[in-house]
Amino acid sequence: EPGRTVSLTSTHGRVHANAVVLASNAWAASIPELAKLVVPVNSSIVVT
């Protein structure tokens, strides 16, 4: 919830913060403003 103080809600709690940093990488595509900037693609690794 944007505002002068931003509220972030999780399953069992809430944080009220003066500033927020979104560092969720591919998951940021769920935010419409950011979805147009990135597209999540996969990469795969095998190990011997």
ModelCIF file with pLDDT and N, C-alpha, C, O atoms, coordinates in Angstrom:
data_MODEL
#
_entry.id   MODEL 
#
_entity.id                         1 
_entity.type                       polymer 
_entity.pdbx_number_of_molecules   1 
#
_entity_poly.entity_id                      1 
_entity_poly.type                           'polypeptide(L)' 
_entity_poly.nstd_linkage                   no 
_entity_poly.nstd_monomer                   no 
_entity_poly.pdbx_seq_one_letter_code       EPGRTVSLTSTHGRVHANAVVLASNAWAASIPELAKLVVPVNSSIVVT 
_entity_poly.pdbx_seq_one_letter_code_can   EPGRTVSLTSTHGRVHANAVVLASNAWAASIPELAKLVVPVNSSIVVT 
_entity_poly.pdbx_strand_id                 A 
#
loop_
_entity_poly_seq.entity_id 
_entity_poly_seq.num 
_entity_poly_seq.mon_id 
_entity_poly_seq.hetero 
1 1  GLU n 
1 2  PRO n 
1 3  GLY n 
1 4  ARG n 
1 5  THR n 
1 6  VAL n 
1 7  SER n 
1 8  LEU n 
1 9  THR n 
1 10 SER n 
1 11 THR n 
1 12 HIS n 
1 13 GLY n 
1 14 ARG n 
1 15 VAL n 
1 16 HIS n 
1 17 ALA n 
1 18 ASN n 
1 19 ALA n 
1 20 VAL n 
1 21 VAL n 
1 22 LEU n 
1 23 ALA n 
1 24 SER n 
1 25 ASN n 
1 26 ALA n 
1 27 TRP n 
1 28 ALA n 
1 29 ALA n 
1 30 SER n 
1 31 ILE n 
1 32 PRO n 
1 33 GLU n 
1 34 LEU n 
1 35 ALA n 
1 36 LYS n 
1 37 LEU n 
1 38 VAL n 
1 39 VAL n 
1 40 PRO n 
1 41 VAL n 
1 42 ASN n 
1 43 SER n 
1 44 SER n 
1 45 ILE n 
1 46 VAL n 
1 47 VAL n 
1 48 THR n 
#
_struct_asym.id          A 
_struct_asym.entity_id   1 
#
loop_
_ma_qa_metric.id 
_ma_qa_metric.mode 
_ma_qa_metric.name 
_ma_qa_metric.software_group_id 
_ma_qa_metric.type 
1 global pLDDT . pLDDT 
2 local  pLDDT . pLDDT 
#
_ma_qa_metric_global.metric_id      1 
_ma_qa_metric_global.metric_value   96.90 
_ma_qa_metric_global.model_id       1 
_ma_qa_metric_global.ordinal_id     1 
#
loop_
_ma_qa_metric_local.label_asym_id 
_ma_qa_metric_local.label_comp_id 
_ma_qa_metric_local.label_seq_id 
_ma_qa_metric_local.metric_id 
_ma_qa_metric_local.metric_value 
_ma_qa_metric_local.model_id 
_ma_qa_metric_local.ordinal_id 
A GLU 1  2 97.00 1 1  
A PRO 2  2 97.00 1 2  
A GLY 3  2 97.00 1 3  
A ARG 4  2 97.00 1 4  
A THR 5  2 98.00 1 5  
A VAL 6  2 98.00 1 6  
A SER 7  2 98.00 1 7  
A LEU 8  2 98.00 1 8  
A THR 9  2 98.00 1 9  
A SER 10 2 97.00 1 10 
A THR 11 2 94.00 1 11 
A HIS 12 2 95.00 1 12 
A GLY 13 2 98.00 1 13 
A ARG 14 2 98.00 1 14 
A VAL 15 2 98.00 1 15 
A HIS 16 2 98.00 1 16 
A ALA 17 2 98.00 1 17 
A ASN 18 2 98.00 1 18 
A ALA 19 2 98.00 1 19 
A VAL 20 2 98.00 1 20 
A VAL 21 2 98.00 1 21 
A LEU 22 2 98.00 1 22 
A ALA 23 2 98.00 1 23 
A SER 24 2 96.00 1 24 
A ASN 25 2 95.00 1 25 
A ALA 26 2 96.00 1 26 
A TRP 27 2 96.00 1 27 
A ALA 28 2 96.00 1 28 
A ALA 29 2 95.00 1 29 
A SER 30 2 94.00 1 30 
A ILE 31 2 95.00 1 31 
A PRO 32 2 93.00 1 32 
A GLU 33 2 95.00 1 33 
A LEU 34 2 97.00 1 34 
A ALA 35 2 96.00 1 35 
A LYS 36 2 96.00 1 36 
A LEU 37 2 97.00 1 37 
A VAL 38 2 97.00 1 38 
A VAL 39 2 97.00 1 39 
A PRO 40 2 97.00 1 40 
A VAL 41 2 97.00 1 41 
A ASN 42 2 97.00 1 42 
A SER 43 2 97.00 1 43 
A SER 44 2 98.00 1 44 
A ILE 45 2 98.00 1 45 
A VAL 46 2 98.00 1 46 
A VAL 47 2 98.00 1 47 
A THR 48 2 98.00 1 48 
#
loop_
_atom_site.group_PDB 
_atom_site.id 
_atom_site.type_symbol 
_atom_site.label_atom_id 
_atom_site.label_alt_id 
_atom_site.label_comp_id 
_atom_site.label_asym_id 
_atom_site.label_entity_id 
_atom_site.label_seq_id 
_atom_site.pdbx_PDB_ins_code 
_atom_site.Cartn_x 
_atom_site.Cartn_y 
_atom_site.Cartn_z 
_atom_site.occupancy 
_atom_site.B_iso_or_equiv 
_atom_site.pdbx_formal_charge 
_atom_site.auth_seq_id 
_atom_site.auth_comp_id 
_atom_site.auth_asym_id 
_atom_site.auth_atom_id 
_atom_site.pdbx_PDB_model_num 
ATOM 1   N N  . GLU A 1 1  ? 0.853  -1.184  0.000   1.00 97.00 ? 1  GLU A N  1 
ATOM 2   C CA . GLU A 1 1  ? 0.000  0.000   0.000   1.00 97.00 ? 1  GLU A CA 1 
ATOM 3   C C  . GLU A 1 1  ? 0.892  1.240   0.000   1.00 97.00 ? 1  GLU A C  1 
ATOM 4   O O  . GLU A 1 1  ? 1.519  1.548   1.014   1.00 97.00 ? 1  GLU A O  1 
ATOM 5   N N  . PRO A 1 2  ? 0.957  1.959   -1.135  1.00 97.00 ? 2  PRO A N  1 
ATOM 6   C CA . PRO A 1 2  ? 1.829  3.141   -1.219  1.00 97.00 ? 2  PRO A CA 1 
ATOM 7   C C  . PRO A 1 2  ? 1.352  4.244   -0.283  1.00 97.00 ? 2  PRO A C  1 
ATOM 8   O O  . PRO A 1 2  ? 0.213  4.237   0.185   1.00 97.00 ? 2  PRO A O  1 
ATOM 9   N N  . GLY A 1 3  ? 2.227  5.168   -0.027  1.00 97.00 ? 3  GLY A N  1 
ATOM 10  C CA . GLY A 1 3  ? 1.918  6.314   0.816   1.00 97.00 ? 3  GLY A CA 1 
ATOM 11  C C  . GLY A 1 3  ? 3.192  6.887   1.393   1.00 97.00 ? 3  GLY A C  1 
ATOM 12  O O  . GLY A 1 3  ? 4.291  6.409   1.113   1.00 97.00 ? 3  GLY A O  1 
ATOM 13  N N  . ARG A 1 4  ? 3.031  7.917   2.201   1.00 97.00 ? 4  ARG A N  1 
ATOM 14  C CA . ARG A 1 4  ? 4.209  8.483   2.855   1.00 97.00 ? 4  ARG A CA 1 
ATOM 15  C C  . ARG A 1 4  ? 4.909  7.415   3.686   1.00 97.00 ? 4  ARG A C  1 
ATOM 16  O O  . ARG A 1 4  ? 6.137  7.338   3.718   1.00 97.00 ? 4  ARG A O  1 
ATOM 17  N N  . THR A 1 5  ? 4.104  6.594   4.358   1.00 98.00 ? 5  THR A N  1 
ATOM 18  C CA . THR A 1 5  ? 4.583  5.359   4.974   1.00 98.00 ? 5  THR A CA 1 
ATOM 19  C C  . THR A 1 5  ? 3.971  4.214   4.181   1.00 98.00 ? 5  THR A C  1 
ATOM 20  O O  . THR A 1 5  ? 2.754  4.148   4.012   1.00 98.00 ? 5  THR A O  1 
ATOM 21  N N  . VAL A 1 6  ? 4.815  3.318   3.700   1.00 98.00 ? 6  VAL A N  1 
ATOM 22  C CA . VAL A 1 6  ? 4.351  2.209   2.865   1.00 98.00 ? 6  VAL A CA 1 
ATOM 23  C C  . VAL A 1 6  ? 4.061  1.010   3.760   1.00 98.00 ? 6  VAL A C  1 
ATOM 24  O O  . VAL A 1 6  ? 4.837  0.691   4.660   1.00 98.00 ? 6  VAL A O  1 
ATOM 25  N N  . SER A 1 7  ? 2.938  0.352   3.502   1.00 98.00 ? 7  SER A N  1 
ATOM 26  C CA . SER A 1 7  ? 2.581  -0.843  4.271   1.00 98.00 ? 7  SER A CA 1 
ATOM 27  C C  . SER A 1 7  ? 2.700  -2.072  3.390   1.00 98.00 ? 7  SER A C  1 
ATOM 28  O O  . SER A 1 7  ? 2.151  -2.114  2.289   1.00 98.00 ? 7  SER A O  1 
ATOM 29  N N  . LEU A 1 8  ? 3.414  -3.062  3.877   1.00 98.00 ? 8  LEU A N  1 
ATOM 30  C CA . LEU A 1 8  ? 3.595  -4.329  3.168   1.00 98.00 ? 8  LEU A CA 1 
ATOM 31  C C  . LEU A 1 8  ? 2.946  -5.423  3.987   1.00 98.00 ? 8  LEU A C  1 
ATOM 32  O O  . LEU A 1 8  ? 3.250  -5.590  5.168   1.00 98.00 ? 8  LEU A O  1 
ATOM 33  N N  . THR A 1 9  ? 2.047  -6.172  3.357   1.00 98.00 ? 9  THR A N  1 
ATOM 34  C CA . THR A 1 9  ? 1.284  -7.184  4.058   1.00 98.00 ? 9  THR A CA 1 
ATOM 35  C C  . THR A 1 9  ? 1.723  -8.577  3.639   1.00 98.00 ? 9  THR A C  1 
ATOM 36  O O  . THR A 1 9  ? 1.859  -8.865  2.450   1.00 98.00 ? 9  THR A O  1 
ATOM 37  N N  . SER A 1 10 ? 1.942  -9.437  4.627   1.00 97.00 ? 10 SER A N  1 
ATOM 38  C CA . SER A 1 10 ? 2.212  -10.853 4.390   1.00 97.00 ? 10 SER A CA 1 
ATOM 39  C C  . SER A 1 10 ? 1.124  -11.673 5.061   1.00 97.00 ? 10 SER A C  1 
ATOM 40  O O  . SER A 1 10 ? 0.135  -11.117 5.538   1.00 97.00 ? 10 SER A O  1 
ATOM 41  N N  . THR A 1 11 ? 1.292  -12.973 5.104   1.00 94.00 ? 11 THR A N  1 
ATOM 42  C CA . THR A 1 11 ? 0.233  -13.865 5.604   1.00 94.00 ? 11 THR A CA 1 
ATOM 43  C C  . THR A 1 11 ? -0.127 -13.567 7.045   1.00 94.00 ? 11 THR A C  1 
ATOM 44  O O  . THR A 1 11 ? -1.305 -13.523 7.397   1.00 94.00 ? 11 THR A O  1 
ATOM 45  N N  . HIS A 1 12 ? 0.887  -13.360 7.888   1.00 95.00 ? 12 HIS A N  1 
ATOM 46  C CA . HIS A 1 12 ? 0.626  -13.206 9.314   1.00 95.00 ? 12 HIS A CA 1 
ATOM 47  C C  . HIS A 1 12 ? 1.186  -11.907 9.896   1.00 95.00 ? 12 HIS A C  1 
ATOM 48  O O  . HIS A 1 12 ? 1.273  -11.761 11.115  1.00 95.00 ? 12 HIS A O  1 
ATOM 49  N N  . GLY A 1 13 ? 1.563  -10.972 9.035   1.00 98.00 ? 13 GLY A N  1 
ATOM 50  C CA . GLY A 1 13 ? 2.138  -9.761  9.583   1.00 98.00 ? 13 GLY A CA 1 
ATOM 51  C C  . GLY A 1 13 ? 2.150  -8.617  8.601   1.00 98.00 ? 13 GLY A C  1 
ATOM 52  O O  . GLY A 1 13 ? 1.747  -8.751  7.445   1.00 98.00 ? 13 GLY A O  1 
ATOM 53  N N  . ARG A 1 14 ? 2.626  -7.485  9.092   1.00 98.00 ? 14 ARG A N  1 
ATOM 54  C CA . ARG A 1 14 ? 2.664  -6.280  8.273   1.00 98.00 ? 14 ARG A CA 1 
ATOM 55  C C  . ARG A 1 14 ? 3.880  -5.440  8.689   1.00 98.00 ? 14 ARG A C  1 
ATOM 56  O O  . ARG A 1 14 ? 4.227  -5.350  9.866   1.00 98.00 ? 14 ARG A O  1 
ATOM 57  N N  . VAL A 1 15 ? 4.513  -4.828  7.677   1.00 98.00 ? 15 VAL A N  1 
ATOM 58  C CA . VAL A 1 15 ? 5.625  -3.922  7.922   1.00 98.00 ? 15 VAL A CA 1 
ATOM 59  C C  . VAL A 1 15 ? 5.245  -2.539  7.404   1.00 98.00 ? 15 VAL A C  1 
ATOM 60  O O  . VAL A 1 15 ? 4.738  -2.401  6.291   1.00 98.00 ? 15 VAL A O  1 
ATOM 61  N N  . HIS A 1 16 ? 5.492  -1.526  8.215   1.00 98.00 ? 16 HIS A N  1 
ATOM 62  C CA . HIS A 1 16 ? 5.282  -0.135  7.823   1.00 98.00 ? 16 HIS A CA 1 
ATOM 63  C C  . HIS A 1 16 ? 6.662  0.485   7.661   1.00 98.00 ? 16 HIS A C  1 
ATOM 64  O O  . HIS A 1 16 ? 7.445  0.510   8.611   1.00 98.00 ? 16 HIS A O  1 
ATOM 65  N N  . ALA A 1 17 ? 6.966  0.985   6.469   1.00 98.00 ? 17 ALA A N  1 
ATOM 66  C CA . ALA A 1 17 ? 8.318  1.446   6.177   1.00 98.00 ? 17 ALA A CA 1 
ATOM 67  C C  . ALA A 1 17 ? 8.289  2.816   5.509   1.00 98.00 ? 17 ALA A C  1 
ATOM 68  O O  . ALA A 1 17 ? 7.358  3.152   4.777   1.00 98.00 ? 17 ALA A O  1 
ATOM 69  N N  . ASN A 1 18 ? 9.332  3.598   5.779   1.00 98.00 ? 18 ASN A N  1 
ATOM 70  C CA . ASN A 1 18 ? 9.458  4.913   5.143   1.00 98.00 ? 18 ASN A CA 1 
ATOM 71  C C  . ASN A 1 18 ? 9.854  4.797   3.675   1.00 98.00 ? 18 ASN A C  1 
ATOM 72  O O  . ASN A 1 18 ? 9.541  5.676   2.872   1.00 98.00 ? 18 ASN A O  1 
ATOM 73  N N  . ALA A 1 19 ? 10.544 3.711   3.325   1.00 98.00 ? 19 ALA A N  1 
ATOM 74  C CA . ALA A 1 19 ? 10.949 3.469   1.935   1.00 98.00 ? 19 ALA A CA 1 
ATOM 75  C C  . ALA A 1 19 ? 10.950 1.979   1.689   1.00 98.00 ? 19 ALA A C  1 
ATOM 76  O O  . ALA A 1 19 ? 11.136 1.181   2.607   1.00 98.00 ? 19 ALA A O  1 
ATOM 77  N N  . VAL A 1 20 ? 10.737 1.611   0.425   1.00 98.00 ? 20 VAL A N  1 
ATOM 78  C CA . VAL A 1 20 ? 10.681 0.200   0.017   1.00 98.00 ? 20 VAL A CA 1 
ATOM 79  C C  . VAL A 1 20 ? 11.585 0.006   -1.184  1.00 98.00 ? 20 VAL A C  1 
ATOM 80  O O  . VAL A 1 20 ? 11.658 0.861   -2.067  1.00 98.00 ? 20 VAL A O  1 
ATOM 81  N N  . VAL A 1 21 ? 12.273 -1.126  -1.210  1.00 98.00 ? 21 VAL A N  1 
ATOM 82  C CA . VAL A 1 21 ? 13.072 -1.534  -2.364  1.00 98.00 ? 21 VAL A CA 1 
ATOM 83  C C  . VAL A 1 21 ? 12.503 -2.846  -2.887  1.00 98.00 ? 21 VAL A C  1 
ATOM 84  O O  . VAL A 1 21 ? 12.363 -3.815  -2.140  1.00 98.00 ? 21 VAL A O  1 
ATOM 85  N N  . LEU A 1 22 ? 12.180 -2.870  -4.168  1.00 98.00 ? 22 LEU A N  1 
ATOM 86  C CA . LEU A 1 22 ? 11.712 -4.084  -4.822  1.00 98.00 ? 22 LEU A CA 1 
ATOM 87  C C  . LEU A 1 22 ? 12.913 -4.755  -5.476  1.00 98.00 ? 22 LEU A C  1 
ATOM 88  O O  . LEU A 1 22 ? 13.436 -4.275  -6.481  1.00 98.00 ? 22 LEU A O  1 
ATOM 89  N N  . ALA A 1 23 ? 13.344 -5.872  -4.891  1.00 98.00 ? 23 ALA A N  1 
ATOM 90  C CA . ALA A 1 23 ? 14.508 -6.608  -5.381  1.00 98.00 ? 23 ALA A CA 1 
ATOM 91  C C  . ALA A 1 23 ? 14.119 -8.061  -5.614  1.00 98.00 ? 23 ALA A C  1 
ATOM 92  O O  . ALA A 1 23 ? 14.859 -8.982  -5.270  1.00 98.00 ? 23 ALA A O  1 
ATOM 93  N N  . SER A 1 24 ? 12.951 -8.244  -6.202  1.00 96.00 ? 24 SER A N  1 
ATOM 94  C CA . SER A 1 24 ? 12.397 -9.587  -6.392  1.00 96.00 ? 24 SER A CA 1 
ATOM 95  C C  . SER A 1 24 ? 12.659 -10.142 -7.778  1.00 96.00 ? 24 SER A C  1 
ATOM 96  O O  . SER A 1 24 ? 12.165 -11.220 -8.111  1.00 96.00 ? 24 SER A O  1 
ATOM 97  N N  . ASN A 1 25 ? 13.435 -9.421  -8.602  1.00 95.00 ? 25 ASN A N  1 
ATOM 98  C CA . ASN A 1 25 ? 13.862 -9.910  -9.912  1.00 95.00 ? 25 ASN A CA 1 
ATOM 99  C C  . ASN A 1 25 ? 12.693 -10.407 -10.745 1.00 95.00 ? 25 ASN A C  1 
ATOM 100 O O  . ASN A 1 25 ? 11.777 -9.628  -11.010 1.00 95.00 ? 25 ASN A O  1 
ATOM 101 N N  . ALA A 1 26 ? 12.677 -11.669 -11.173 1.00 96.00 ? 26 ALA A N  1 
ATOM 102 C CA . ALA A 1 26 ? 11.643 -12.142 -12.101 1.00 96.00 ? 26 ALA A CA 1 
ATOM 103 C C  . ALA A 1 26 ? 10.240 -11.987 -11.536 1.00 96.00 ? 26 ALA A C  1 
ATOM 104 O O  . ALA A 1 26 ? 9.289  -11.793 -12.294 1.00 96.00 ? 26 ALA A O  1 
ATOM 105 N N  . TRP A 1 27 ? 10.094 -12.069 -10.220 1.00 96.00 ? 27 TRP A N  1 
ATOM 106 C CA . TRP A 1 27 ? 8.777  -11.930 -9.607  1.00 96.00 ? 27 TRP A CA 1 
ATOM 107 C C  . TRP A 1 27 ? 8.244  -10.507 -9.750  1.00 96.00 ? 27 TRP A C  1 
ATOM 108 O O  . TRP A 1 27 ? 7.048  -10.281 -9.559  1.00 96.00 ? 27 TRP A O  1 
ATOM 109 N N  . ALA A 1 28 ? 9.102  -9.545  -10.080 1.00 96.00 ? 28 ALA A N  1 
ATOM 110 C CA . ALA A 1 28 ? 8.647  -8.168  -10.269 1.00 96.00 ? 28 ALA A CA 1 
ATOM 111 C C  . ALA A 1 28 ? 7.702  -8.038  -11.447 1.00 96.00 ? 28 ALA A C  1 
ATOM 112 O O  . ALA A 1 28 ? 7.000  -7.034  -11.563 1.00 96.00 ? 28 ALA A O  1 
ATOM 113 N N  . ALA A 1 29 ? 7.669  -9.037  -12.327 1.00 95.00 ? 29 ALA A N  1 
ATOM 114 C CA . ALA A 1 29 ? 6.784  -8.988  -13.489 1.00 95.00 ? 29 ALA A CA 1 
ATOM 115 C C  . ALA A 1 29 ? 5.310  -9.045  -13.097 1.00 95.00 ? 29 ALA A C  1 
ATOM 116 O O  . ALA A 1 29 ? 4.440  -8.844  -13.944 1.00 95.00 ? 29 ALA A O  1 
ATOM 117 N N  . SER A 1 30 ? 5.018  -9.316  -11.823 1.00 94.00 ? 30 SER A N  1 
ATOM 118 C CA . SER A 1 30 ? 3.619  -9.281  -11.382 1.00 94.00 ? 30 SER A CA 1 
ATOM 119 C C  . SER A 1 30 ? 3.118  -7.858  -11.179 1.00 94.00 ? 30 SER A C  1 
ATOM 120 O O  . SER A 1 30 ? 1.921  -7.648  -10.982 1.00 94.00 ? 30 SER A O  1 
ATOM 121 N N  . ILE A 1 31 ? 4.023  -6.872  -11.226 1.00 95.00 ? 31 ILE A N  1 
ATOM 122 C CA . ILE A 1 31 ? 3.646  -5.456  -11.079 1.00 95.00 ? 31 ILE A CA 1 
ATOM 123 C C  . ILE A 1 31 ? 3.511  -4.864  -12.474 1.00 95.00 ? 31 ILE A C  1 
ATOM 124 O O  . ILE A 1 31 ? 4.501  -4.816  -13.204 1.00 95.00 ? 31 ILE A O  1 
ATOM 125 N N  . PRO A 1 32 ? 2.336  -4.415  -12.871 1.00 93.00 ? 32 PRO A N  1 
ATOM 126 C CA . PRO A 1 32 ? 2.109  -3.980  -14.262 1.00 93.00 ? 32 PRO A CA 1 
ATOM 127 C C  . PRO A 1 32 ? 3.139  -2.987  -14.776 1.00 93.00 ? 32 PRO A C  1 
ATOM 128 O O  . PRO A 1 32 ? 3.594  -3.118  -15.912 1.00 93.00 ? 32 PRO A O  1 
ATOM 129 N N  . GLU A 1 33 ? 3.519  -2.000  -13.975 1.00 95.00 ? 33 GLU A N  1 
ATOM 130 C CA . GLU A 1 33 ? 4.484  -0.998  -14.423 1.00 95.00 ? 33 GLU A CA 1 
ATOM 131 C C  . GLU A 1 33 ? 5.840  -1.612  -14.759 1.00 95.00 ? 33 GLU A C  1 
ATOM 132 O O  . GLU A 1 33 ? 6.543  -1.128  -15.646 1.00 95.00 ? 33 GLU A O  1 
ATOM 133 N N  . LEU A 1 34 ? 6.202  -2.673  -14.050 1.00 97.00 ? 34 LEU A N  1 
ATOM 134 C CA . LEU A 1 34 ? 7.501  -3.315  -14.262 1.00 97.00 ? 34 LEU A CA 1 
ATOM 135 C C  . LEU A 1 34 ? 7.417  -4.462  -15.262 1.00 97.00 ? 34 LEU A C  1 
ATOM 136 O O  . LEU A 1 34 ? 8.425  -4.845  -15.855 1.00 97.00 ? 34 LEU A O  1 
ATOM 137 N N  . ALA A 1 35 ? 6.218  -5.011  -15.451 1.00 96.00 ? 35 ALA A N  1 
ATOM 138 C CA . ALA A 1 35 ? 6.058  -6.150  -16.359 1.00 96.00 ? 35 ALA A CA 1 
ATOM 139 C C  . ALA A 1 35 ? 6.467  -5.807  -17.779 1.00 96.00 ? 35 ALA A C  1 
ATOM 140 O O  . ALA A 1 35 ? 6.949  -6.670  -18.512 1.00 96.00 ? 35 ALA A O  1 
ATOM 141 N N  . LYS A 1 36 ? 6.282  -4.566  -18.170 1.00 96.00 ? 36 LYS A N  1 
ATOM 142 C CA . LYS A 1 36 ? 6.631  -4.191  -19.542 1.00 96.00 ? 36 LYS A CA 1 
ATOM 143 C C  . LYS A 1 36 ? 8.140  -4.084  -19.743 1.00 96.00 ? 36 LYS A C  1 
ATOM 144 O O  . LYS A 1 36 ? 8.615  -4.083  -20.879 1.00 96.00 ? 36 LYS A O  1 
ATOM 145 N N  . LEU A 1 37 ? 8.903  -3.995  -18.640 1.00 97.00 ? 37 LEU A N  1 
ATOM 146 C CA . LEU A 1 37 ? 10.356 -3.845  -18.739 1.00 97.00 ? 37 LEU A CA 1 
ATOM 147 C C  . LEU A 1 37 ? 11.092 -5.179  -18.783 1.00 97.00 ? 37 LEU A C  1 
ATOM 148 O O  . LEU A 1 37 ? 12.181 -5.267  -19.349 1.00 97.00 ? 37 LEU A O  1 
ATOM 149 N N  . VAL A 1 38 ? 10.504 -6.220  -18.187 1.00 97.00 ? 38 VAL A N  1 
ATOM 150 C CA . VAL A 1 38 ? 11.180 -7.517  -18.110 1.00 97.00 ? 38 VAL A CA 1 
ATOM 151 C C  . VAL A 1 38 ? 10.212 -8.630  -18.505 1.00 97.00 ? 38 VAL A C  1 
ATOM 152 O O  . VAL A 1 38 ? 8.994  -8.505  -18.375 1.00 97.00 ? 38 VAL A O  1 
ATOM 153 N N  . VAL A 1 39 ? 10.793 -9.706  -18.985 1.00 97.00 ? 39 VAL A N  1 
ATOM 154 C CA . VAL A 1 39 ? 10.024 -10.924 -19.197 1.00 97.00 ? 39 VAL A CA 1 
ATOM 155 C C  . VAL A 1 39 ? 10.788 -12.063 -18.522 1.00 97.00 ? 39 VAL A C  1 
ATOM 156 O O  . VAL A 1 39 ? 11.979 -12.234 -18.781 1.00 97.00 ? 39 VAL A O  1 
ATOM 157 N N  . PRO A 1 40 ? 10.134 -12.843 -17.665 1.00 97.00 ? 40 PRO A N  1 
ATOM 158 C CA . PRO A 1 40 ? 10.810 -13.976 -17.045 1.00 97.00 ? 40 PRO A CA 1 
ATOM 159 C C  . PRO A 1 40 ? 10.996 -15.106 -18.054 1.00 97.00 ? 40 PRO A C  1 
ATOM 160 O O  . PRO A 1 40 ? 10.037 -15.553 -18.683 1.00 97.00 ? 40 PRO A O  1 
ATOM 161 N N  . VAL A 1 41 ? 12.229 -15.559 -18.201 1.00 97.00 ? 41 VAL A N  1 
ATOM 162 C CA . VAL A 1 41 ? 12.545 -16.727 -19.026 1.00 97.00 ? 41 VAL A CA 1 
ATOM 163 C C  . VAL A 1 41 ? 13.338 -17.699 -18.160 1.00 97.00 ? 41 VAL A C  1 
ATOM 164 O O  . VAL A 1 41 ? 13.938 -17.314 -17.156 1.00 97.00 ? 41 VAL A O  1 
ATOM 165 N N  . ASN A 1 42 ? 13.328 -18.971 -18.569 1.00 97.00 ? 42 ASN A N  1 
ATOM 166 C CA . ASN A 1 42 ? 14.021 -19.930 -17.717 1.00 97.00 ? 42 ASN A CA 1 
ATOM 167 C C  . ASN A 1 42 ? 15.415 -20.241 -18.229 1.00 97.00 ? 42 ASN A C  1 
ATOM 168 O O  . ASN A 1 42 ? 15.748 -20.004 -19.391 1.00 97.00 ? 42 ASN A O  1 
ATOM 169 N N  . SER A 1 43 ? 16.208 -20.773 -17.331 1.00 97.00 ? 43 SER A N  1 
ATOM 170 C CA . SER A 1 43 ? 17.530 -21.299 -17.635 1.00 97.00 ? 43 SER A CA 1 
ATOM 171 C C  . SER A 1 43 ? 17.649 -22.599 -16.852 1.00 97.00 ? 43 SER A C  1 
ATOM 172 O O  . SER A 1 43 ? 17.058 -22.735 -15.780 1.00 97.00 ? 43 SER A O  1 
ATOM 173 N N  . SER A 1 44 ? 18.399 -23.544 -17.373 1.00 98.00 ? 44 SER A N  1 
ATOM 174 C CA . SER A 1 44 ? 18.497 -24.849 -16.716 1.00 98.00 ? 44 SER A CA 1 
ATOM 175 C C  . SER A 1 44 ? 19.950 -25.276 -16.586 1.00 98.00 ? 44 SER A C  1 
ATOM 176 O O  . SER A 1 44 ? 20.790 -24.918 -17.411 1.00 98.00 ? 44 SER A O  1 
ATOM 177 N N  . ILE A 1 45 ? 20.236 -26.041 -15.546 1.00 98.00 ? 45 ILE A N  1 
ATOM 178 C CA . ILE A 1 45 ? 21.589 -26.508 -15.261 1.00 98.00 ? 45 ILE A CA 1 
ATOM 179 C C  . ILE A 1 45 ? 21.552 -27.994 -14.937 1.00 98.00 ? 45 ILE A C  1 
ATOM 180 O O  . ILE A 1 45 ? 20.651 -28.471 -14.246 1.00 98.00 ? 45 ILE A O  1 
ATOM 181 N N  . VAL A 1 46 ? 22.543 -28.718 -15.447 1.00 98.00 ? 46 VAL A N  1 
ATOM 182 C CA . VAL A 1 46 ? 22.766 -30.103 -15.044 1.00 98.00 ? 46 VAL A CA 1 
ATOM 183 C C  . VAL A 1 46 ? 24.156 -30.186 -14.419 1.00 98.00 ? 46 VAL A C  1 
ATOM 184 O O  . VAL A 1 46 ? 25.057 -29.434 -14.790 1.00 98.00 ? 46 VAL A O  1 
ATOM 185 N N  . VAL A 1 47 ? 24.323 -31.102 -13.472 1.00 98.00 ? 47 VAL A N  1 
ATOM 186 C CA . VAL A 1 47 ? 25.594 -31.260 -12.770 1.00 98.00 ? 47 VAL A CA 1 
ATOM 187 C C  . VAL A 1 47 ? 25.987 -32.729 -12.800 1.00 98.00 ? 47 VAL A C  1 
ATOM 188 O O  . VAL A 1 47 ? 25.161 -33.608 -12.555 1.00 98.00 ? 47 VAL A O  1 
ATOM 189 N N  . THR A 1 48 ? 27.253 -32.988 -13.103 1.00 98.00 ? 48 THR A N  1 
ATOM 190 C CA . THR A 1 48 ? 27.740 -34.365 -13.171 1.00 98.00 ? 48 THR A CA 1 
ATOM 191 C C  . THR A 1 48 ? 28.147 -34.867 -11.794 1.00 98.00 ? 48 THR A C  1 
ATOM 192 O O  . THR A 1 48 ? 28.583 -36.010 -11.657 1.00 98.00 ? 48 THR A O  1 
#
